[in-house]
Amino acid sequence: MQVSEWIKIFQNSIDDYHKTDDVDAVLKNSYVEGSLENLMYLKNWVDTVQWHLEDIIRNPDIDPVEALAIKRRIDASNQHRTDLVEYIDTWMLNKYNDVVVDATATFNTESPAWAFDRLSILELKIYHMRAEAERADATPEHKAACEKKLQVLLTQRTDLSTAIRQLLEDIASGKKYMKVYKQMKMYNDESLNPVLYQKKN
């Protein structure tokens, strides 16, 4: 698949979410189970729901009990997001498993799936910045400022897409190699978070 096709999948996910604009909406992933397309859609859906949870929790009038519940939901979402990235990297590693790696091959600072993660978030920024630039009740100054930011984001999309394509081409040709590194998140683990394991004692 081309990077542009992954962008379209992210856009489909974002558009589908905004049909209801509800953080509790039911996921309807029409892509084939186990396919990269399915994983990309799911990845962006998780990002999109979390984006809106982050908006909700910043309401200065939010009930503290509700805020705590949303914060814990965001923590769980972050863990899900990380697990998905690692799963996608494993998928990519299997895809390139038979590639003969050059003796001079180098390791990239960022794995393919973490680059996809950045691209997914970038599509969310583009969607919402465009909405602000076109907002009917906004001032001309607000619209102009948002339009300027939107153009920067669109340039970032082009640059990131190019970098991802080059990375995948280098991995496919053996010029670069990849590994799957677990993030080792500690705050959700009762055996690693001191606040949690000390509370149990």
C-alpha atoms as a PDB file:
ATOM      1  CA  MET A   1       0.000   0.000   0.000  1.00  0.00           C
ATOM      2  CA  GLN A   2       0.994   3.581  -0.584  1.00  0.00           C
ATOM      3  CA  VAL A   3       1.201   6.062   2.295  1.00  0.00           C
ATOM      4  CA  SER A   4      -1.614   8.020   0.637  1.00  0.00           C
ATOM      5  CA  GLU A   5      -3.874   4.982   1.054  1.00  0.00           C
ATOM      6  CA  TRP A   6      -3.157   4.837   4.792  1.00  0.00           C
ATOM      7  CA  ILE A   7      -3.996   8.536   5.025  1.00  0.00           C
ATOM      8  CA  LYS A   8      -7.367   7.787   3.375  1.00  0.00           C
ATOM      9  CA  ILE A   9      -8.003   5.050   5.959  1.00  0.00           C
ATOM     10  CA  PHE A  10      -7.269   7.519   8.764  1.00  0.00           C
ATOM     11  CA  GLN A  11      -9.587  10.035   7.127  1.00  0.00           C
ATOM     12  CA  ASN A  12     -12.332   7.388   6.850  1.00  0.00           C
ATOM     13  CA  SER A  13     -11.999   6.671  10.561  1.00  0.00           C
ATOM     14  CA  ILE A  14     -12.137  10.362  11.472  1.00  0.00           C
ATOM     15  CA  ASP A  15     -15.156  10.956   9.226  1.00  0.00           C
ATOM     16  CA  ASP A  16     -16.932   7.898  10.633  1.00  0.00           C
ATOM     17  CA  TYR A  17     -16.346   9.102  14.193  1.00  0.00           C
ATOM     18  CA  HIS A  18     -17.743  12.554  13.451  1.00  0.00           C
ATOM     19  CA  LYS A  19     -20.991  11.097  12.124  1.00  0.00           C
ATOM     20  CA  THR A  20     -21.975  10.863  15.792  1.00  0.00           C
ATOM     21  CA  ASP A  21     -19.138  12.800  17.492  1.00  0.00           C
ATOM     22  CA  ASP A  22     -19.610  10.530  20.505  1.00  0.00           C
ATOM     23  CA  VAL A  23     -16.729   9.052  22.512  1.00  0.00           C
ATOM     24  CA  ASP A  24     -18.980   6.064  23.282  1.00  0.00           C
ATOM     25  CA  ALA A  25     -19.874   5.382  19.652  1.00  0.00           C
ATOM     26  CA  VAL A  26     -19.590   1.769  18.520  1.00  0.00           C
ATOM     27  CA  LEU A  27     -16.571   0.991  16.340  1.00  0.00           C
ATOM     28  CA  LYS A  28     -17.577  -0.177  12.852  1.00  0.00           C
ATOM     29  CA  ASN A  29     -14.383  -1.316  11.157  1.00  0.00           C
ATOM     30  CA  SER A  30     -15.274  -2.662   7.714  1.00  0.00           C
ATOM     31  CA  TYR A  31     -11.729  -3.677   6.766  1.00  0.00           C
ATOM     32  CA  VAL A  32     -10.760  -7.360   6.749  1.00  0.00           C
ATOM     33  CA  GLU A  33      -9.869  -8.662  10.217  1.00  0.00           C
ATOM     34  CA  GLY A  34      -6.106  -9.080  10.612  1.00  0.00           C
ATOM     35  CA  SER A  35      -5.263  -6.903   7.618  1.00  0.00           C
ATOM     36  CA  LEU A  36      -3.006  -3.877   7.874  1.00  0.00           C
ATOM     37  CA  GLU A  37      -5.953  -1.740   6.744  1.00  0.00           C
ATOM     38  CA  ASN A  38      -8.017  -3.008   9.666  1.00  0.00           C
ATOM     39  CA  LEU A  39      -5.212  -2.234  12.100  1.00  0.00           C
ATOM     40  CA  MET A  40      -4.691   1.258  10.672  1.00  0.00           C
ATOM     41  CA  TYR A  41      -8.402   2.067  10.955  1.00  0.00           C
ATOM     42  CA  LEU A  42      -8.528   0.777  14.526  1.00  0.00           C
ATOM     43  CA  LYS A  43      -5.378   2.710  15.424  1.00  0.00           C
ATOM     44  CA  ASN A  44      -6.845   5.981  14.209  1.00  0.00           C
ATOM     45  CA  TRP A  45     -10.224   5.284  15.831  1.00  0.00           C
ATOM     46  CA  VAL A  46      -8.484   4.904  19.206  1.00  0.00           C
ATOM     47  CA  ASP A  47      -6.579   8.145  18.555  1.00  0.00           C
ATOM     48  CA  THR A  48      -9.762   9.971  17.543  1.00  0.00           C
ATOM     49  CA  VAL A  49     -11.747   8.900  20.604  1.00  0.00           C
ATOM     50  CA  GLN A  50      -8.834   9.842  22.843  1.00  0.00           C
ATOM     51  CA  TRP A  51      -8.522  13.240  21.129  1.00  0.00           C
ATOM     52  CA  HIS A  52     -12.096  14.031  22.150  1.00  0.00           C
ATOM     53  CA  LEU A  53     -11.676  12.626  25.653  1.00  0.00           C
ATOM     54  CA  GLU A  54      -8.744  15.037  26.036  1.00  0.00           C
ATOM     55  CA  ASP A  55     -11.076  17.880  24.965  1.00  0.00           C
ATOM     56  CA  ILE A  56     -13.776  16.849  27.455  1.00  0.00           C
ATOM     57  CA  ILE A  57     -11.437  16.585  30.435  1.00  0.00           C
ATOM     58  CA  ARG A  58     -10.255  20.174  29.868  1.00  0.00           C
ATOM     59  CA  ASN A  59     -13.716  21.589  30.524  1.00  0.00           C
ATOM     60  CA  PRO A  60     -13.118  23.884  33.532  1.00  0.00           C
ATOM     61  CA  ASP A  61     -16.615  23.095  34.819  1.00  0.00           C
ATOM     62  CA  ILE A  62     -16.269  19.313  34.649  1.00  0.00           C
ATOM     63  CA  ASP A  63     -17.341  17.327  37.691  1.00  0.00           C
ATOM     64  CA  PRO A  64     -14.177  16.042  39.474  1.00  0.00           C
ATOM     65  CA  VAL A  65     -15.553  12.500  39.676  1.00  0.00           C
ATOM     66  CA  GLU A  66     -16.238  12.506  35.936  1.00  0.00           C
ATOM     67  CA  ALA A  67     -12.792  13.970  35.276  1.00  0.00           C
ATOM     68  CA  LEU A  68     -11.120  11.169  37.231  1.00  0.00           C
ATOM     69  CA  ALA A  69     -13.098   8.548  35.331  1.00  0.00           C
ATOM     70  CA  ILE A  70     -12.095  10.114  32.010  1.00  0.00           C
ATOM     71  CA  LYS A  71      -8.441  10.362  33.110  1.00  0.00           C
ATOM     72  CA  ARG A  72      -8.425   6.630  33.821  1.00  0.00           C
ATOM     73  CA  ARG A  73     -10.115   6.008  30.493  1.00  0.00           C
ATOM     74  CA  ILE A  74      -7.378   8.043  28.787  1.00  0.00           C
ATOM     75  CA  ASP A  75      -4.718   5.980  30.580  1.00  0.00           C
ATOM     76  CA  ALA A  76      -6.338   2.787  29.302  1.00  0.00           C
ATOM     77  CA  SER A  77      -6.573   4.291  25.816  1.00  0.00           C
ATOM     78  CA  ASN A  78      -2.879   5.180  25.878  1.00  0.00           C
ATOM     79  CA  GLN A  79      -2.061   1.579  26.741  1.00  0.00           C
ATOM     80  CA  HIS A  80      -4.307   0.338  23.916  1.00  0.00           C
ATOM     81  CA  ARG A  81      -2.668   2.778  21.497  1.00  0.00           C
ATOM     82  CA  THR A  82       0.806   1.568  22.471  1.00  0.00           C
ATOM     83  CA  ASP A  83      -0.219  -2.086  22.168  1.00  0.00           C
ATOM     84  CA  LEU A  84      -1.586  -1.407  18.684  1.00  0.00           C
ATOM     85  CA  VAL A  85       1.636   0.311  17.590  1.00  0.00           C
ATOM     86  CA  GLU A  86       3.671  -2.655  18.791  1.00  0.00           C
ATOM     87  CA  TYR A  87       1.276  -5.056  17.050  1.00  0.00           C
ATOM     88  CA  ILE A  88       1.570  -3.113  13.775  1.00  0.00           C
ATOM     89  CA  ASP A  89       5.368  -3.119  14.076  1.00  0.00           C
ATOM     90  CA  THR A  90       5.247  -6.885  14.552  1.00  0.00           C
ATOM     91  CA  TRP A  91       3.082  -7.104  11.416  1.00  0.00           C
ATOM     92  CA  MET A  92       5.671  -5.031   9.521  1.00  0.00           C
ATOM     93  CA  LEU A  93       8.559  -7.091  10.889  1.00  0.00           C
ATOM     94  CA  ASN A  94       6.901 -10.264   9.614  1.00  0.00           C
ATOM     95  CA  LYS A  95       6.306  -8.627   6.240  1.00  0.00           C
ATOM     96  CA  TYR A  96      10.027  -7.895   5.821  1.00  0.00           C
ATOM     97  CA  ASN A  97      11.230 -11.054   7.554  1.00  0.00           C
ATOM     98  CA  ASP A  98      12.779 -12.535   4.397  1.00  0.00           C
ATOM     99  CA  VAL A  99      14.687  -9.414   3.372  1.00  0.00           C
ATOM    100  CA  VAL A 100      18.462  -9.906   3.200  1.00  0.00           C
ATOM    101  CA  VAL A 101      19.885  -7.097   5.317  1.00  0.00           C
ATOM    102  CA  ASP A 102      23.021  -5.355   4.008  1.00  0.00           C
ATOM    103  CA  ALA A 103      26.134  -5.590   6.140  1.00  0.00           C
ATOM    104  CA  THR A 104      26.153  -1.783   6.230  1.00  0.00           C
ATOM    105  CA  ALA A 105      22.444  -1.486   7.068  1.00  0.00           C
ATOM    106  CA  THR A 106      21.535   1.083   9.692  1.00  0.00           C
ATOM    107  CA  PHE A 107      18.829   1.213  12.339  1.00  0.00           C
ATOM    108  CA  ASN A 108      16.233   3.987  12.191  1.00  0.00           C
ATOM    109  CA  THR A 109      15.495   6.104  15.258  1.00  0.00           C
ATOM    110  CA  GLU A 110      11.782   5.479  14.751  1.00  0.00           C
ATOM    111  CA  SER A 111      10.000   2.260  13.804  1.00  0.00           C
ATOM    112  CA  PRO A 112       7.448   2.221  10.969  1.00  0.00           C
ATOM    113  CA  ALA A 113       4.448   1.921  13.299  1.00  0.00           C
ATOM    114  CA  TRP A 114       5.508   4.868  15.463  1.00  0.00           C
ATOM    115  CA  ALA A 115       5.786   6.891  12.249  1.00  0.00           C
ATOM    116  CA  PHE A 116       2.253   5.728  11.369  1.00  0.00           C
ATOM    117  CA  ASP A 117       1.203   6.859  14.846  1.00  0.00           C
ATOM    118  CA  ARG A 118       2.508  10.362  14.110  1.00  0.00           C
ATOM    119  CA  LEU A 119       0.714  10.354  10.749  1.00  0.00           C
ATOM    120  CA  SER A 120      -2.560   9.306  12.405  1.00  0.00           C
ATOM    121  CA  ILE A 121      -2.339  12.142  14.940  1.00  0.00           C
ATOM    122  CA  LEU A 122      -1.372  14.559  12.173  1.00  0.00           C
ATOM    123  CA  GLU A 123      -4.565  13.717  10.261  1.00  0.00           C
ATOM    124  CA  LEU A 124      -6.561  14.562  13.387  1.00  0.00           C
ATOM    125  CA  LYS A 125      -4.767  17.903  13.659  1.00  0.00           C
ATOM    126  CA  ILE A 126      -5.477  18.647   9.994  1.00  0.00           C
ATOM    127  CA  TYR A 127      -9.166  17.750  10.344  1.00  0.00           C
ATOM    128  CA  HIS A 128      -9.724  19.927  13.391  1.00  0.00           C
ATOM    129  CA  MET A 129      -7.555  22.835  12.228  1.00  0.00           C
ATOM    130  CA  ARG A 130      -9.486  22.914   8.944  1.00  0.00           C
ATOM    131  CA  ALA A 131     -12.725  22.955  10.930  1.00  0.00           C
ATOM    132  CA  GLU A 132     -11.450  25.954  12.894  1.00  0.00           C
ATOM    133  CA  ALA A 133     -10.324  27.739   9.723  1.00  0.00           C
ATOM    134  CA  GLU A 134     -13.834  27.303   8.298  1.00  0.00           C
ATOM    135  CA  ARG A 135     -15.830  27.880  11.503  1.00  0.00           C
ATOM    136  CA  ALA A 136     -18.821  30.063  10.714  1.00  0.00           C
ATOM    137  CA  ASP A 137     -18.902  31.899  14.053  1.00  0.00           C
ATOM    138  CA  ALA A 138     -15.130  32.568  14.230  1.00  0.00           C
ATOM    139  CA  THR A 139     -13.561  35.953  13.625  1.00  0.00           C
ATOM    140  CA  PRO A 140     -11.642  36.621  10.384  1.00  0.00           C
ATOM    141  CA  GLU A 141      -8.454  36.846  12.463  1.00  0.00           C
ATOM    142  CA  HIS A 142      -9.082  33.421  14.004  1.00  0.00           C
ATOM    143  CA  LYS A 143      -9.804  31.884  10.607  1.00  0.00           C
ATOM    144  CA  ALA A 144      -6.678  33.420   9.070  1.00  0.00           C
ATOM    145  CA  ALA A 145      -4.469  32.211  11.926  1.00  0.00           C
ATOM    146  CA  CYS A 146      -5.896  28.694  11.682  1.00  0.00           C
ATOM    147  CA  GLU A 147      -5.533  28.644   7.904  1.00  0.00           C
ATOM    148  CA  LYS A 148      -1.857  29.514   8.318  1.00  0.00           C
ATOM    149  CA  LYS A 149      -1.413  26.684  10.819  1.00  0.00           C
ATOM    150  CA  LEU A 150      -3.294  24.342   8.510  1.00  0.00           C
ATOM    151  CA  GLN A 151      -0.838  24.998   5.707  1.00  0.00           C
ATOM    152  CA  VAL A 152       2.043  24.084   8.032  1.00  0.00           C
ATOM    153  CA  LEU A 153       0.275  20.856   8.980  1.00  0.00           C
ATOM    154  CA  LEU A 154      -0.284  19.990   5.310  1.00  0.00           C
ATOM    155  CA  THR A 155       3.418  20.505   4.660  1.00  0.00           C
ATOM    156  CA  GLN A 156       4.192  18.242   7.608  1.00  0.00           C
ATOM    157  CA  ARG A 157       1.918  15.595   6.078  1.00  0.00           C
ATOM    158  CA  THR A 158       3.860  15.733   2.798  1.00  0.00           C
ATOM    159  CA  ASP A 159       7.218  15.564   4.559  1.00  0.00           C
ATOM    160  CA  LEU A 160       6.220  12.766   6.936  1.00  0.00           C
ATOM    161  CA  SER A 161       4.644  10.759   4.118  1.00  0.00           C
ATOM    162  CA  THR A 162       7.873  11.048   2.126  1.00  0.00           C
ATOM    163  CA  ALA A 163       9.972  10.008   5.123  1.00  0.00           C
ATOM    164  CA  ILE A 164       7.751   6.955   5.774  1.00  0.00           C
ATOM    165  CA  ARG A 165       7.886   5.900   2.143  1.00  0.00           C
ATOM    166  CA  GLN A 166      11.688   6.219   2.128  1.00  0.00           C
ATOM    167  CA  LEU A 167      11.975   4.257   5.383  1.00  0.00           C
ATOM    168  CA  LEU A 168       9.856   1.390   4.061  1.00  0.00           C
ATOM    169  CA  GLU A 169      11.783   1.337   0.792  1.00  0.00           C
ATOM    170  CA  ASP A 170      15.064   1.167   2.721  1.00  0.00           C
ATOM    171  CA  ILE A 171      13.758  -1.664   4.925  1.00  0.00           C
ATOM    172  CA  ALA A 172      12.472  -3.565   1.876  1.00  0.00           C
ATOM    173  CA  SER A 173      15.849  -3.235   0.143  1.00  0.00           C
ATOM    174  CA  GLY A 174      17.897  -4.160   3.225  1.00  0.00           C
ATOM    175  CA  LYS A 175      19.463  -0.715   3.664  1.00  0.00           C
ATOM    176  CA  LYS A 176      17.762  -0.362   7.050  1.00  0.00           C
ATOM    177  CA  TYR A 177      16.499  -2.887   9.559  1.00  0.00           C
ATOM    178  CA  MET A 178      13.863  -2.710  12.242  1.00  0.00           C
ATOM    179  CA  LYS A 179      13.093  -4.184  15.636  1.00  0.00           C
ATOM    180  CA  VAL A 180       9.984  -4.237  17.804  1.00  0.00           C
ATOM    181  CA  TYR A 181      10.664  -2.549  21.126  1.00  0.00           C
ATOM    182  CA  LYS A 182       8.076  -2.843  23.860  1.00  0.00           C
ATOM    183  CA  GLN A 183       7.355   0.492  25.521  1.00  0.00           C
ATOM    184  CA  MET A 184       7.448  -0.998  29.025  1.00  0.00           C
ATOM    185  CA  LYS A 185       4.825   1.403  30.346  1.00  0.00           C
ATOM    186  CA  MET A 186       4.863   1.254  34.122  1.00  0.00           C
ATOM    187  CA  TYR A 187       2.005   3.381  35.416  1.00  0.00           C
ATOM    188  CA  ASN A 188      -0.720   0.826  34.665  1.00  0.00           C
ATOM    189  CA  ASP A 189       1.234  -2.119  36.085  1.00  0.00           C
ATOM    190  CA  GLU A 190       0.426  -2.911  39.717  1.00  0.00           C
ATOM    191  CA  SER A 191       3.839  -4.539  40.122  1.00  0.00           C
ATOM    192  CA  LEU A 192       5.802  -1.527  38.779  1.00  0.00           C
ATOM    193  CA  ASN A 193       3.888   1.567  39.922  1.00  0.00           C
ATOM    194  CA  PRO A 194       4.931   2.267  43.559  1.00  0.00           C
ATOM    195  CA  VAL A 195       1.626   3.985  44.345  1.00  0.00           C
ATOM    196  CA  LEU A 196      -0.223   0.828  43.330  1.00  0.00           C
ATOM    197  CA  TYR A 197       1.995  -1.866  44.829  1.00  0.00           C
ATOM    198  CA  GLN A 198       2.574  -0.021  48.104  1.00  0.00           C
ATOM    199  CA  LYS A 199      -1.191   0.367  48.452  1.00  0.00           C
ATOM    200  CA  LYS A 200      -1.563  -3.430  48.239  1.00  0.00           C
ATOM    201  CA  ASN A 201       0.890  -4.016  51.113  1.00  0.00           C
END
